[in-house]
Amino acid sequence: MQPYIIITAPHSKCVNVLERTCDLVAGKASEYLYEIVHQQYPNVVSLHSSNIYRSEDQCDNEYCDLNRPWAICRTNYWSTLAKNIKEVRGKYNPIFLIDVHSYPATESETKDLDVYLLNTTQFKYGSKELSHYIKRNINSLSGGGGNDKIMLQYVKDLNNILEENSIKRKILIGTDDNAINVIGSSNGFITILIEFNENLRDSRIEEICHIILQWIEEEIEWNTMITEYPNFDCY
């Protein structure tokens, strides 16, 4: 069975670049990663860049934070992503979901890093807010499929291969309202969130994307077939 790679960049479109209302290099990094993976796996990779402006103040098909649970049933972005997820699960194995972000180099904890990884997969059932939203709107979206210990190992594996290639990085604990990662891990996908330093040169971003491809190729050796999946009632 073939692998499949889903790449997301939900914060890649800005309302105002000067005020940094988006992830400034997430679009570029996700496109690099897509092109590099596509060369090796041309028919089994998809890219979901943001098609609307990021906003914390409203959520519709023009403005929304697409990585939050309230965006799931309100935006075309999620209807497309949900369709992609439903089409590939059960047909491909393993399935990767790589959520691409970027951060300003002014953040004290991460300013000297090239990237950091957010481990959000320990929140298998999400926060109370997400669980309540799921219960009201989506049938068993965060139930069944994911194995948190296995998912954490994938994060560790990527961290190790980045270290071996002299990439400055660390693993941080993510928040439990990260909708893309919660849904990815609950579907049993190999799910990671990677944040690129916005001061990186293009060549460094590209180098890191090649290392991610190397990690994908190594993880493909793992073959645990998931047979039970949560449903998207709103699509």
Protein backbone atom coordinates (compact mmCIF):
# COMPACT_ATOMS: atom_id res chain seq x y z
CA MET A 1 0.00 0.00 0.00
CA GLN A 2 1.29 3.46 -0.90
CA PRO A 3 1.89 6.28 1.57
CA TYR A 4 0.10 9.62 1.35
CA ILE A 5 1.31 13.01 2.55
CA ILE A 6 -1.03 15.89 3.44
CA ILE A 7 0.67 19.27 3.96
CA THR A 8 -1.28 22.10 5.59
CA ALA A 9 -0.43 25.79 6.06
CA PRO A 10 -3.53 27.29 7.71
CA HIS A 11 -1.93 30.61 8.72
CA SER A 12 -0.19 31.43 5.43
CA LYS A 13 -2.37 34.33 4.19
CA CYS A 14 -1.99 37.77 5.83
CA VAL A 15 -4.40 40.65 6.34
CA ASN A 16 -1.52 42.97 7.11
CA VAL A 17 2.08 41.83 6.82
CA LEU A 18 3.41 44.78 8.84
CA GLU A 19 1.26 43.79 11.80
CA ARG A 20 2.16 40.12 11.27
CA THR A 21 -1.35 38.72 11.09
CA CYS A 22 -0.09 35.48 9.56
CA ASP A 23 2.90 33.14 9.49
CA LEU A 24 5.19 35.04 7.13
CA VAL A 25 7.19 32.15 5.66
CA ALA A 26 4.73 29.28 6.17
CA GLY A 27 3.44 29.61 2.61
CA LYS A 28 6.94 29.49 1.15
CA ALA A 29 8.04 26.63 3.41
CA SER A 30 4.94 24.54 2.66
CA GLU A 31 5.41 25.07 -1.09
CA TYR A 32 9.08 24.03 -0.86
CA LEU A 33 8.08 20.94 1.08
CA TYR A 34 5.32 20.09 -1.38
CA GLU A 35 7.64 20.38 -4.40
CA ILE A 36 10.38 18.29 -2.74
CA VAL A 37 7.96 15.55 -1.63
CA HIS A 38 6.16 15.66 -4.99
CA GLN A 39 9.40 14.82 -6.82
CA GLN A 40 9.66 11.59 -4.82
CA TYR A 41 5.94 10.82 -4.42
CA PRO A 42 4.24 12.63 -7.33
CA ASN A 43 0.70 11.30 -7.04
CA VAL A 44 0.31 10.94 -3.28
CA VAL A 45 0.85 14.40 -1.83
CA SER A 46 -1.51 17.34 -1.37
CA LEU A 47 -1.04 20.92 -0.17
CA HIS A 48 -3.68 22.93 1.69
CA SER A 49 -2.45 26.50 1.98
CA SER A 50 -4.73 29.09 3.53
CA ASN A 51 -7.26 30.47 1.07
CA ILE A 52 -8.52 33.16 3.46
CA TYR A 53 -7.01 35.78 5.73
CA ARG A 54 -6.14 34.82 9.26
CA SER A 55 -8.26 36.54 11.86
CA GLU A 56 -8.99 35.94 15.53
CA ASP A 57 -12.05 38.20 15.47
CA GLN A 58 -14.36 36.43 13.03
CA CYS A 59 -14.74 33.14 11.19
CA ASP A 60 -16.26 32.84 7.72
CA ASN A 61 -14.98 32.22 4.20
CA GLU A 62 -13.04 35.51 4.14
CA TYR A 63 -11.47 35.72 7.60
CA CYS A 64 -10.77 32.97 10.14
CA ASP A 65 -8.12 31.18 12.14
CA LEU A 66 -8.27 27.92 10.21
CA ASN A 67 -6.42 25.96 12.88
CA ARG A 68 -9.17 26.27 15.47
CA PRO A 69 -12.15 23.95 16.06
CA TRP A 70 -14.76 26.57 15.20
CA ALA A 71 -13.39 26.78 11.63
CA ILE A 72 -14.17 23.12 10.87
CA CYS A 73 -17.79 23.47 9.79
CA ARG A 74 -17.66 27.12 8.73
CA THR A 75 -15.05 27.33 5.98
CA ASN A 76 -14.39 26.02 2.48
CA TYR A 77 -10.81 25.30 3.54
CA TRP A 78 -12.03 22.63 5.95
CA SER A 79 -14.57 21.16 3.54
CA THR A 80 -11.70 20.61 1.07
CA LEU A 81 -9.35 19.25 3.75
CA ALA A 82 -12.05 16.97 5.19
CA LYS A 83 -12.77 15.61 1.70
CA ASN A 84 -9.06 14.90 1.19
CA ILE A 85 -8.82 13.12 4.56
CA LYS A 86 -11.86 10.93 3.86
CA GLU A 87 -10.62 10.05 0.37
CA VAL A 88 -7.19 8.83 1.49
CA ARG A 89 -7.78 7.09 4.82
CA GLY A 90 -8.09 3.36 4.38
CA LYS A 91 -6.71 3.65 0.84
CA TYR A 92 -3.13 4.63 1.70
CA ASN A 93 -0.76 3.64 4.48
CA PRO A 94 0.92 5.30 6.24
CA ILE A 95 -0.65 8.76 5.97
CA PHE A 96 1.31 11.82 7.05
CA LEU A 97 -0.19 15.14 8.07
CA ILE A 98 2.47 17.85 8.24
CA ASP A 99 1.18 21.17 9.56
CA VAL A 100 3.53 24.01 8.55
CA HIS A 101 3.84 27.30 10.46
CA SER A 102 6.42 30.02 11.07
CA TYR A 103 7.29 32.32 13.95
CA PRO A 104 9.05 35.67 14.42
CA ALA A 105 12.68 35.49 15.49
CA THR A 106 11.94 37.84 18.39
CA GLU A 107 10.46 35.06 20.55
CA SER A 108 12.98 34.58 23.35
CA GLU A 109 12.58 30.81 23.75
CA THR A 110 12.97 30.02 20.05
CA LYS A 111 14.80 32.94 18.41
CA ASP A 112 18.08 31.00 18.10
CA LEU A 113 16.45 27.90 16.62
CA ASP A 114 15.92 26.98 12.98
CA VAL A 115 12.64 25.22 13.73
CA TYR A 116 10.64 23.85 16.58
CA LEU A 117 8.16 21.00 16.72
CA LEU A 118 4.91 21.25 18.63
CA ASN A 119 3.74 18.02 20.19
CA THR A 120 -0.04 18.32 20.41
CA THR A 121 -0.86 14.65 19.89
CA GLN A 122 -1.09 13.96 23.61
CA PHE A 123 -4.44 15.77 23.49
CA LYS A 124 -6.20 12.81 21.93
CA TYR A 125 -9.65 14.02 22.88
CA GLY A 126 -8.87 17.72 22.75
CA SER A 127 -9.73 20.42 25.21
CA LYS A 128 -13.12 20.70 26.90
CA GLU A 129 -14.00 23.41 24.38
CA LEU A 130 -13.03 21.23 21.42
CA SER A 131 -14.73 18.15 22.84
CA HIS A 132 -17.91 20.13 23.42
CA TYR A 133 -17.76 21.53 19.89
CA ILE A 134 -17.21 18.06 18.45
CA LYS A 135 -20.08 16.58 20.45
CA ARG A 136 -22.45 19.24 19.14
CA ASN A 137 -21.28 19.44 15.53
CA ILE A 138 -19.29 16.42 14.42
CA ASN A 139 -19.92 12.76 15.16
CA SER A 140 -16.99 11.20 17.03
CA LEU A 141 -14.41 13.37 15.26
CA SER A 142 -11.76 12.81 17.91
CA GLY A 143 -12.57 9.19 18.70
CA GLY A 144 -10.74 6.04 17.63
CA GLY A 145 -7.71 5.49 15.47
CA GLY A 146 -4.88 7.48 17.03
CA ASN A 147 -2.23 6.07 19.31
CA ASP A 148 -0.61 8.90 21.26
CA LYS A 149 2.55 7.01 22.22
CA ILE A 150 3.23 6.06 18.62
CA MET A 151 2.54 9.59 17.44
CA LEU A 152 4.95 11.01 19.99
CA GLN A 153 7.63 8.64 18.70
CA TYR A 154 7.21 10.10 15.23
CA VAL A 155 7.83 13.56 16.65
CA LYS A 156 10.92 12.26 18.42
CA ASP A 157 12.12 10.60 15.21
CA LEU A 158 11.89 13.88 13.29
CA ASN A 159 13.62 15.71 16.12
CA ASN A 160 16.46 13.17 16.02
CA ILE A 161 16.99 13.35 12.28
CA LEU A 162 17.02 17.15 12.41
CA GLU A 163 19.64 16.96 15.15
CA GLU A 164 21.74 14.55 13.10
CA ASN A 165 21.76 17.12 10.31
CA SER A 166 22.77 19.99 12.61
CA ILE A 167 19.39 21.72 12.52
CA LYS A 168 18.83 23.81 15.65
CA ARG A 169 15.50 22.65 17.00
CA LYS A 170 13.49 21.59 20.05
CA ILE A 171 10.14 20.02 20.91
CA LEU A 172 7.60 22.21 22.67
CA ILE A 173 4.19 21.29 24.05
CA GLY A 174 1.38 22.65 21.89
CA THR A 175 -2.07 23.82 22.91
CA ASP A 176 -5.05 21.51 22.82
CA ASP A 177 -7.12 23.68 20.47
CA ASN A 178 -4.97 22.87 17.45
CA ALA A 179 -7.72 21.41 15.29
CA ILE A 180 -5.56 20.10 12.44
CA ASN A 181 -3.26 18.13 14.73
CA VAL A 182 -6.06 16.77 16.89
CA ILE A 183 -7.90 15.52 13.82
CA GLY A 184 -4.74 14.14 12.22
CA SER A 185 -3.72 12.13 15.27
CA SER A 186 -7.29 10.95 15.95
CA ASN A 187 -7.36 9.52 12.42
CA GLY A 188 -4.16 7.59 13.10
CA PHE A 189 -2.06 9.77 10.79
CA ILE A 190 1.63 10.45 11.41
CA THR A 191 0.95 14.01 12.51
CA ILE A 192 3.46 16.77 13.22
CA LEU A 193 3.44 20.55 13.49
CA ILE A 194 6.64 22.30 12.48
CA GLU A 195 7.39 26.00 12.98
CA PHE A 196 10.08 27.67 10.83
CA ASN A 197 12.07 30.66 12.08
CA GLU A 198 11.10 33.59 9.86
CA ASN A 199 14.72 34.77 9.69
CA LEU A 200 15.87 31.64 7.86
CA ARG A 201 17.38 31.93 4.41
CA ASP A 202 15.46 30.23 1.62
CA SER A 203 18.31 27.74 1.20
CA ARG A 204 18.04 26.74 4.87
CA ILE A 205 14.27 26.26 4.60
CA GLU A 206 14.79 24.10 1.53
CA GLU A 207 17.48 22.08 3.32
CA ILE A 208 15.11 21.39 6.21
CA CYS A 209 12.37 20.31 3.78
CA HIS A 210 14.76 17.76 2.27
CA ILE A 211 15.42 16.42 5.76
CA ILE A 212 11.67 16.13 6.36
CA LEU A 213 11.48 14.04 3.18
CA GLN A 214 14.22 11.80 4.57
CA TRP A 215 12.19 11.41 7.77
CA ILE A 216 9.08 10.52 5.72
CA GLU A 217 11.00 7.82 3.86
CA GLU A 218 12.25 6.31 7.12
CA GLU A 219 8.81 6.35 8.75
CA ILE A 220 7.22 4.60 5.77
CA GLU A 221 8.84 1.44 7.09
CA TRP A 222 6.20 1.53 9.86
CA ASN A 223 2.93 0.00 8.69
CA THR A 224 0.08 0.02 11.19
CA MET A 225 -3.19 -0.09 9.29
CA ILE A 226 -6.03 1.88 10.84
CA THR A 227 -9.45 0.44 10.03
CA GLU A 228 -11.80 2.59 12.11
CA TYR A 229 -12.11 6.31 11.46
CA PRO A 230 -14.10 9.21 12.96
CA ASN A 231 -16.73 10.91 10.82
CA PHE A 232 -17.25 14.46 9.58
CA ASP A 233 -20.97 15.01 9.95
CA CYS A 234 -20.86 18.53 8.51
CA TYR A 235 -19.44 17.34 5.16
